[in-house]
Amino acid sequence: VQLVESGGGLVQPGGSLRLSCAASGFTFSIYDMRWYRQAPGKERELVATINSAGGLTMYTDSVKGRFTLSRDNARNTVYLQMNSLKPEDTAVYYCNAHRYSDYWGQGTQVTVHS
């Protein structure tokens, strides 16, 4: 089982990034997919969730209207489009697959700084 995140980096406030998470080794299409983030000195928090079919998404209040989560079950990939980024979005972002088990990626750093 592998979840490989990509797309993180350094961006100025107001900028955008698109995170990707490529999955392999399990039946991606039946798993809900989630993005978590963890900032230095803080607990890991759930940012966004998408159900297995991709028809239902949920977001934490602080990212609503700015982040969009989507998935491509044909490509076994989930995407997190992040717009209007703020310094408080700085964190390591983790991809998670959830159903019978929980699988985690290694994380990708997002830094929002002028």
C-alpha atoms as a PDB file:
ATOM      1  CA  VAL A   1       0.000   0.000   0.000  1.00  0.00           C
ATOM      2  CA  GLN A   2       1.284   3.420  -0.943  1.00  0.00           C
ATOM      3  CA  LEU A   3      -0.016   6.953  -0.780  1.00  0.00           C
ATOM      4  CA  VAL A   4       2.369   9.419  -2.383  1.00  0.00           C
ATOM      5  CA  GLU A   5       1.689  13.128  -1.947  1.00  0.00           C
ATOM      6  CA  SER A   6       3.114  15.803  -4.187  1.00  0.00           C
ATOM      7  CA  GLY A   7       2.594  19.445  -5.027  1.00  0.00           C
ATOM      8  CA  GLY A   8       3.665  21.126  -1.818  1.00  0.00           C
ATOM      9  CA  GLY A   9       6.034  24.044  -1.727  1.00  0.00           C
ATOM     10  CA  LEU A  10       6.543  27.683  -0.826  1.00  0.00           C
ATOM     11  CA  VAL A  11       3.925  30.184  -1.921  1.00  0.00           C
ATOM     12  CA  GLN A  12       3.117  33.775  -1.099  1.00  0.00           C
ATOM     13  CA  PRO A  13      -0.079  34.701   0.741  1.00  0.00           C
ATOM     14  CA  GLY A  14      -2.967  34.754  -1.691  1.00  0.00           C
ATOM     15  CA  GLY A  15      -1.340  32.183  -3.913  1.00  0.00           C
ATOM     16  CA  SER A  16      -2.440  28.702  -4.914  1.00  0.00           C
ATOM     17  CA  LEU A  17      -1.141  25.174  -4.778  1.00  0.00           C
ATOM     18  CA  ARG A  18      -2.552  21.878  -5.942  1.00  0.00           C
ATOM     19  CA  LEU A  19      -1.700  18.818  -3.891  1.00  0.00           C
ATOM     20  CA  SER A  20      -1.964  15.351  -5.379  1.00  0.00           C
ATOM     21  CA  CYS A  21      -2.063  11.976  -3.689  1.00  0.00           C
ATOM     22  CA  ALA A  22      -1.448   8.920  -5.826  1.00  0.00           C
ATOM     23  CA  ALA A  23      -2.647   5.637  -4.332  1.00  0.00           C
ATOM     24  CA  SER A  24      -1.644   2.061  -5.029  1.00  0.00           C
ATOM     25  CA  GLY A  25      -1.904  -1.352  -3.440  1.00  0.00           C
ATOM     26  CA  PHE A  26      -5.535  -1.218  -2.375  1.00  0.00           C
ATOM     27  CA  THR A  27      -8.984  -0.696  -3.897  1.00  0.00           C
ATOM     28  CA  PHE A  28      -8.896   3.079  -4.038  1.00  0.00           C
ATOM     29  CA  SER A  29     -12.436   3.490  -5.351  1.00  0.00           C
ATOM     30  CA  ILE A  30     -14.094   2.143  -2.198  1.00  0.00           C
ATOM     31  CA  TYR A  31     -12.157   4.271   0.260  1.00  0.00           C
ATOM     32  CA  ASP A  32     -13.072   7.688   1.554  1.00  0.00           C
ATOM     33  CA  MET A  33     -10.099   9.990   1.123  1.00  0.00           C
ATOM     34  CA  ARG A  34      -9.008  12.708   3.486  1.00  0.00           C
ATOM     35  CA  TRP A  35      -6.376  15.400   3.788  1.00  0.00           C
ATOM     36  CA  TYR A  36      -5.015  16.247   7.185  1.00  0.00           C
ATOM     37  CA  ARG A  37      -2.459  18.845   8.119  1.00  0.00           C
ATOM     38  CA  GLN A  38      -0.142  19.368  11.034  1.00  0.00           C
ATOM     39  CA  ALA A  39       1.485  22.677  11.840  1.00  0.00           C
ATOM     40  CA  PRO A  40       4.525  22.907  14.130  1.00  0.00           C
ATOM     41  CA  GLY A  41       3.522  22.483  17.754  1.00  0.00           C
ATOM     42  CA  LYS A  42      -0.069  21.665  16.885  1.00  0.00           C
ATOM     43  CA  GLU A  43      -2.138  18.525  16.627  1.00  0.00           C
ATOM     44  CA  ARG A  44      -2.957  16.997  13.294  1.00  0.00           C
ATOM     45  CA  GLU A  45      -6.289  18.297  12.022  1.00  0.00           C
ATOM     46  CA  LEU A  46      -8.703  17.043   9.403  1.00  0.00           C
ATOM     47  CA  VAL A  47      -8.890  19.501   6.519  1.00  0.00           C
ATOM     48  CA  ALA A  48     -11.172  17.862   3.968  1.00  0.00           C
ATOM     49  CA  THR A  49     -12.931  14.594   3.182  1.00  0.00           C
ATOM     50  CA  ILE A  50     -14.343  13.135  -0.006  1.00  0.00           C
ATOM     51  CA  ASN A  51     -16.453  10.002  -0.132  1.00  0.00           C
ATOM     52  CA  SER A  52     -15.571   7.010  -2.264  1.00  0.00           C
ATOM     53  CA  ALA A  53     -17.725   8.009  -5.231  1.00  0.00           C
ATOM     54  CA  GLY A  54     -16.602  11.612  -5.100  1.00  0.00           C
ATOM     55  CA  GLY A  55     -20.060  13.062  -4.709  1.00  0.00           C
ATOM     56  CA  LEU A  56     -19.749  14.308  -1.152  1.00  0.00           C
ATOM     57  CA  THR A  57     -17.101  16.580   0.260  1.00  0.00           C
ATOM     58  CA  MET A  58     -16.669  18.165   3.655  1.00  0.00           C
ATOM     59  CA  TYR A  59     -14.237  20.854   4.786  1.00  0.00           C
ATOM     60  CA  THR A  60     -13.085  22.307   8.027  1.00  0.00           C
ATOM     61  CA  ASP A  61     -14.438  25.825   8.496  1.00  0.00           C
ATOM     62  CA  SER A  62     -11.094  27.552   8.082  1.00  0.00           C
ATOM     63  CA  VAL A  63     -10.688  26.349   4.478  1.00  0.00           C
ATOM     64  CA  LYS A  64     -14.271  26.477   3.215  1.00  0.00           C
ATOM     65  CA  GLY A  65     -14.539  28.469   0.020  1.00  0.00           C
ATOM     66  CA  ARG A  66     -10.777  28.317  -0.547  1.00  0.00           C
ATOM     67  CA  PHE A  67      -9.943  24.604  -0.829  1.00  0.00           C
ATOM     68  CA  THR A  68     -11.514  22.089  -3.194  1.00  0.00           C
ATOM     69  CA  LEU A  69     -11.100  18.353  -2.858  1.00  0.00           C
ATOM     70  CA  SER A  70     -11.653  16.060  -5.826  1.00  0.00           C
ATOM     71  CA  ARG A  71     -10.753  12.563  -6.911  1.00  0.00           C
ATOM     72  CA  ASP A  72     -10.197  10.567 -10.079  1.00  0.00           C
ATOM     73  CA  ASN A  73     -10.956   6.932  -9.375  1.00  0.00           C
ATOM     74  CA  ALA A  74      -9.671   5.926 -12.809  1.00  0.00           C
ATOM     75  CA  ARG A  75      -6.253   7.349 -11.896  1.00  0.00           C
ATOM     76  CA  ASN A  76      -6.352   6.371  -8.203  1.00  0.00           C
ATOM     77  CA  THR A  77      -5.585   9.957  -7.326  1.00  0.00           C
ATOM     78  CA  VAL A  78      -7.063  12.597  -5.076  1.00  0.00           C
ATOM     79  CA  TYR A  79      -6.430  16.327  -5.465  1.00  0.00           C
ATOM     80  CA  LEU A  80      -6.588  19.237  -3.068  1.00  0.00           C
ATOM     81  CA  GLN A  81      -6.783  22.590  -4.816  1.00  0.00           C
ATOM     82  CA  MET A  82      -5.807  25.306  -2.381  1.00  0.00           C
ATOM     83  CA  ASN A  83      -6.510  28.919  -3.288  1.00  0.00           C
ATOM     84  CA  SER A  84      -6.167  32.193  -1.410  1.00  0.00           C
ATOM     85  CA  LEU A  85      -3.561  30.636   0.825  1.00  0.00           C
ATOM     86  CA  LYS A  86      -2.824  32.207   4.175  1.00  0.00           C
ATOM     87  CA  PRO A  87       0.199  31.946   6.464  1.00  0.00           C
ATOM     88  CA  GLU A  88      -1.918  29.905   8.870  1.00  0.00           C
ATOM     89  CA  ASP A  89      -2.256  27.226   6.183  1.00  0.00           C
ATOM     90  CA  THR A  90       1.427  26.450   6.642  1.00  0.00           C
ATOM     91  CA  ALA A  91       1.725  22.804   7.669  1.00  0.00           C
ATOM     92  CA  VAL A  92       2.673  19.350   6.549  1.00  0.00           C
ATOM     93  CA  TYR A  93      -0.269  17.971   4.596  1.00  0.00           C
ATOM     94  CA  TYR A  94      -1.027  14.259   4.790  1.00  0.00           C
ATOM     95  CA  CYS A  95      -3.201  12.130   2.554  1.00  0.00           C
ATOM     96  CA  ASN A  96      -5.308   9.472   4.275  1.00  0.00           C
ATOM     97  CA  ALA A  97      -7.402   6.600   2.958  1.00  0.00           C
ATOM     98  CA  HIS A  98     -10.128   5.445   5.292  1.00  0.00           C
ATOM     99  CA  ARG A  99     -12.482   2.534   5.319  1.00  0.00           C
ATOM    100  CA  TYR A 100     -11.630  -0.833   6.824  1.00  0.00           C
ATOM    101  CA  SER A 101      -8.127   0.400   7.505  1.00  0.00           C
ATOM    102  CA  ASP A 102      -6.353   3.714   7.575  1.00  0.00           C
ATOM    103  CA  TYR A 103      -3.496   4.322   5.201  1.00  0.00           C
ATOM    104  CA  TRP A 104      -1.246   7.378   5.334  1.00  0.00           C
ATOM    105  CA  GLY A 105       1.135   9.136   3.020  1.00  0.00           C
ATOM    106  CA  GLN A 106       4.475  10.560   4.055  1.00  0.00           C
ATOM    107  CA  GLY A 107       3.295  14.156   3.941  1.00  0.00           C
ATOM    108  CA  THR A 108       4.157  17.192   1.846  1.00  0.00           C
ATOM    109  CA  GLN A 109       5.210  20.560   3.226  1.00  0.00           C
ATOM    110  CA  VAL A 110       3.172  23.644   2.411  1.00  0.00           C
ATOM    111  CA  THR A 111       4.669  26.965   3.447  1.00  0.00           C
ATOM    112  CA  VAL A 112       2.805  30.232   2.959  1.00  0.00           C
ATOM    113  CA  HIS A 113       5.173  33.123   3.522  1.00  0.00           C
ATOM    114  CA  SER A 114       5.938  36.427   1.950  1.00  0.00           C
END
